[in-house]
């Protein structure tokens, strides 16, 4: 299973039933970013160093507002 698919399943199972529509829109935006950052990597392929490298790359290509807005959701 890819990280992107895992995130979408988690979102549907645990967040969609409990959060406001406005929050779901943010989570869906995060899903797009996750899909871009981790492409088709399988969960088993993602190491801490790969995750860190992808997050750093994301930080270099996005504004501080975008990075800070997502930071709290990536800290789980």
Protein backbone atom coordinates (compact mmCIF):
# COMPACT_ATOMS: atom_id res chain seq x y z
CA UNK A 1 0.00 0.00 0.00
CA UNK A 2 1.32 3.45 -0.84
CA UNK A 3 1.60 6.13 1.80
CA UNK A 4 -0.83 8.24 -0.20
CA UNK A 5 -3.44 5.46 -0.23
CA UNK A 6 -2.90 4.80 3.47
CA UNK A 7 -3.48 8.47 4.24
CA UNK A 8 -6.69 8.50 2.18
CA UNK A 9 -7.98 5.41 4.00
CA UNK A 10 -7.09 6.94 7.38
CA UNK A 11 -8.83 10.16 6.38
CA UNK A 12 -12.00 8.37 5.31
CA UNK A 13 -12.10 6.07 8.34
CA UNK A 14 -11.05 8.34 11.19
CA UNK A 15 -11.47 11.95 10.17
CA UNK A 16 -14.33 12.21 7.71
CA UNK A 17 -16.95 11.05 10.22
CA UNK A 18 -15.83 13.49 12.92
CA UNK A 19 -14.54 16.74 11.41
CA UNK A 20 -16.16 19.78 9.85
CA UNK A 21 -16.33 20.18 6.08
CA UNK A 22 -13.78 23.00 6.24
CA UNK A 23 -11.34 20.71 8.05
CA UNK A 24 -11.90 17.96 5.48
CA UNK A 25 -10.97 20.39 2.72
CA UNK A 26 -7.63 21.02 4.45
CA UNK A 27 -7.03 17.30 4.91
CA UNK A 28 -7.77 16.76 1.22
CA UNK A 29 -5.21 19.43 0.33
CA UNK A 30 -2.71 17.61 2.54
CA UNK A 31 -3.53 14.41 0.64
CA UNK A 32 -2.51 16.08 -2.61
CA UNK A 33 0.76 17.23 -1.05
CA UNK A 34 1.45 13.77 0.34
CA UNK A 35 0.81 12.24 -3.08
CA UNK A 36 3.31 14.71 -4.58
CA UNK A 37 5.91 14.30 -1.84
CA UNK A 38 5.87 10.52 -1.59
CA UNK A 39 4.72 9.64 -5.10
CA UNK A 40 4.13 5.90 -5.31
CA UNK A 41 6.34 4.85 -2.41
CA UNK A 42 5.03 1.89 -0.48
CA UNK A 43 4.75 2.28 3.29
CA UNK A 44 7.45 -0.37 3.70
CA UNK A 45 9.84 1.71 1.57
CA UNK A 46 9.63 4.88 3.65
CA UNK A 47 12.43 5.22 6.16
CA UNK A 48 12.89 8.15 8.56
CA UNK A 49 15.63 9.54 6.31
CA UNK A 50 13.44 9.33 3.19
CA UNK A 51 10.57 11.03 5.02
CA UNK A 52 12.89 13.79 6.26
CA UNK A 53 14.38 14.33 2.81
CA UNK A 54 10.93 14.63 1.23
CA UNK A 55 9.75 17.07 3.91
CA UNK A 56 12.87 19.22 3.48
CA UNK A 57 12.35 19.25 -0.28
CA UNK A 58 8.72 20.28 0.27
CA UNK A 59 9.93 23.10 2.51
CA UNK A 60 12.27 24.42 -0.17
CA UNK A 61 9.49 24.64 -2.73
CA UNK A 62 6.65 26.06 -0.61
CA UNK A 63 6.08 29.28 1.26
CA UNK A 64 6.59 29.46 5.06
CA UNK A 65 2.81 29.84 5.47
CA UNK A 66 2.17 26.61 3.58
CA UNK A 67 4.89 24.75 5.51
CA UNK A 68 3.70 26.00 8.90
CA UNK A 69 0.07 25.24 8.09
CA UNK A 70 0.94 21.60 7.40
CA UNK A 71 3.59 21.11 10.07
CA UNK A 72 1.18 20.23 12.84
CA UNK A 73 -0.52 17.53 10.79
CA UNK A 74 2.75 15.87 9.80
CA UNK A 75 3.90 15.61 13.42
CA UNK A 76 1.63 12.65 14.21
